[in-house]
Amino acid sequence: MKNNLILVVEDDIVSCELFRELFEKENIKPFLIVNDGEKAIEICKSDKDVQLVLMDYKLPGIDGCEALREIRKIRKNLPVVVQTACVFNGDKDLYLSCGFDDYLSKPIIANELISIIKKYCRYNLN
């Protein structure tokens, strides 16, 4: 059985710590946090255990939408969920039209994160 590696792509240190705390509290592992889209693409190419990507939309270098396009070229069916603080009217539709599978708004709420993980990964979470 594959490991359910969750890849978080996030450049904000506070958000990284929040993800780390939530994952540890819920005993969600393994997980990996990287800070840019280029690293995310490389990891998705090299590590087939990645089962879910939680990607910030605004990243240094290439943005989340461009990183998603590159990931789709190599892992067509890998679930990629945008997580962003940009929650203006129409933003969710924009993200989903880019090809993201789902949407999480920041600040991340534990129950919403758990719901997304349950939807796309094989974790036994309460």
Protein backbone atom coordinates (compact mmCIF):
# COMPACT_ATOMS: atom_id res chain seq x y z
CA MET A 1 0.00 0.00 0.00
CA LYS A 2 1.27 3.44 -0.87
CA ASN A 3 2.14 6.00 1.75
CA ASN A 4 -0.30 8.89 1.77
CA LEU A 5 2.24 11.67 1.51
CA ILE A 6 0.62 15.09 1.59
CA LEU A 7 2.61 17.84 -0.08
CA VAL A 8 1.98 21.37 1.18
CA VAL A 9 3.24 24.18 -1.06
CA GLU A 10 3.34 27.32 1.05
CA ASP A 11 5.76 30.25 1.25
CA ASP A 12 4.34 31.93 4.37
CA ILE A 13 6.17 30.81 7.53
CA VAL A 14 3.14 31.29 9.79
CA SER A 15 0.94 29.20 7.48
CA CYS A 16 3.63 26.49 7.35
CA GLU A 17 3.64 26.31 11.14
CA LEU A 18 -0.15 26.13 11.23
CA PHE A 19 -0.15 23.19 8.81
CA ARG A 20 2.59 21.48 10.82
CA GLU A 21 0.65 21.91 14.07
CA LEU A 22 -2.63 20.71 12.57
CA PHE A 23 -1.00 17.65 11.00
CA GLU A 24 0.80 16.73 14.20
CA LYS A 25 -2.33 17.24 16.32
CA GLU A 26 -4.35 14.97 14.02
CA ASN A 27 -1.46 12.48 13.60
CA ILE A 28 -1.43 13.01 9.84
CA LYS A 29 1.81 11.74 8.39
CA PRO A 30 3.79 11.69 6.32
CA PHE A 31 3.66 15.24 5.07
CA LEU A 32 6.15 17.53 3.42
CA ILE A 33 6.16 21.32 3.20
CA VAL A 34 7.96 23.19 0.41
CA ASN A 35 7.97 26.92 -0.30
CA ASP A 36 7.69 27.22 -4.09
CA GLY A 37 6.04 25.75 -7.15
CA GLU A 38 9.25 24.56 -8.78
CA LYS A 39 10.05 22.32 -5.79
CA ALA A 40 6.48 21.01 -5.82
CA ILE A 41 6.78 20.03 -9.48
CA GLU A 42 10.06 18.21 -8.86
CA ILE A 43 8.65 16.31 -5.88
CA CYS A 44 5.55 15.28 -7.83
CA LYS A 45 7.85 13.98 -10.59
CA SER A 46 10.12 12.03 -8.27
CA ASP A 47 7.86 10.82 -5.44
CA LYS A 48 4.88 8.70 -6.45
CA ASP A 49 3.77 8.49 -2.80
CA VAL A 50 2.40 12.05 -3.02
CA GLN A 51 -1.35 11.52 -2.85
CA LEU A 52 -2.53 15.09 -2.28
CA VAL A 53 -1.09 18.56 -2.91
CA LEU A 54 -2.29 21.58 -0.92
CA MET A 55 -0.96 24.51 -2.93
CA ASP A 56 -0.95 28.21 -2.16
CA TYR A 57 -1.97 30.23 -5.20
CA LYS A 58 0.47 33.11 -4.72
CA LEU A 59 4.00 31.72 -4.67
CA PRO A 60 7.45 33.09 -5.43
CA GLY A 61 8.54 32.27 -8.98
CA ILE A 62 5.73 30.49 -10.77
CA ASP A 63 2.27 30.86 -9.27
CA GLY A 64 0.06 28.00 -8.15
CA CYS A 65 -1.87 27.85 -11.40
CA GLU A 66 1.29 27.43 -13.50
CA ALA A 67 2.70 24.86 -11.06
CA LEU A 68 -0.59 22.98 -11.33
CA ARG A 69 -0.36 22.91 -15.13
CA GLU A 70 3.12 21.38 -14.91
CA ILE A 71 2.05 18.84 -12.28
CA ARG A 72 -0.90 17.78 -14.46
CA LYS A 73 1.53 16.97 -17.28
CA ILE A 74 3.23 14.35 -15.10
CA ARG A 75 0.49 13.30 -12.64
CA LYS A 76 -2.81 13.85 -14.40
CA ASN A 77 -5.01 12.41 -11.63
CA LEU A 78 -3.16 13.74 -8.58
CA PRO A 79 -5.58 15.81 -6.46
CA VAL A 80 -4.34 19.40 -6.11
CA VAL A 81 -6.25 21.69 -3.77
CA VAL A 82 -5.67 25.44 -3.80
CA GLN A 83 -5.32 27.05 -0.39
CA THR A 84 -5.38 30.82 -0.37
CA ALA A 85 -6.28 33.97 1.54
CA CYS A 86 -7.77 35.50 -1.65
CA VAL A 87 -11.46 34.90 -1.14
CA PHE A 88 -13.12 37.68 -3.10
CA ASN A 89 -16.25 37.04 -5.18
CA GLY A 90 -15.35 34.93 -8.18
CA ASP A 91 -11.95 33.81 -6.85
CA LYS A 92 -13.11 30.28 -6.09
CA ASP A 93 -14.43 29.93 -9.65
CA LEU A 94 -11.13 31.25 -11.01
CA TYR A 95 -9.14 28.66 -9.04
CA LEU A 96 -11.40 25.81 -10.05
CA SER A 97 -11.26 26.95 -13.70
CA CYS A 98 -7.44 26.69 -13.50
CA GLY A 99 -7.95 22.99 -12.80
CA PHE A 100 -7.64 22.77 -9.03
CA ASP A 101 -9.72 19.93 -7.63
CA ASP A 102 -10.90 21.82 -4.58
CA TYR A 103 -10.47 24.97 -2.51
CA LEU A 104 -9.44 25.82 1.07
CA SER A 105 -9.60 29.39 2.33
CA LYS A 106 -7.10 30.84 4.79
CA PRO A 107 -6.85 30.94 7.65
CA ILE A 108 -7.07 27.15 7.45
CA ILE A 109 -9.78 25.71 9.68
CA ALA A 110 -8.95 22.27 11.05
CA ASN A 111 -12.33 20.68 10.23
CA GLU A 112 -12.18 21.91 6.62
CA LEU A 113 -8.63 20.60 6.23
CA ILE A 114 -9.61 17.21 7.66
CA SER A 115 -12.60 17.06 5.32
CA ILE A 116 -10.36 17.69 2.29
CA ILE A 117 -7.84 15.06 3.43
CA LYS A 118 -10.60 12.49 3.96
CA LYS A 119 -12.02 13.28 0.54
CA TYR A 120 -8.75 12.70 -1.35
CA CYS A 121 -6.61 10.38 0.82
CA ARG A 122 -6.98 7.07 2.61
CA TYR A 123 -6.60 8.33 6.17
CA ASN A 124 -8.68 7.09 9.09
CA LEU A 125 -9.40 10.41 10.79
CA ASN A 126 -12.08 11.19 13.33
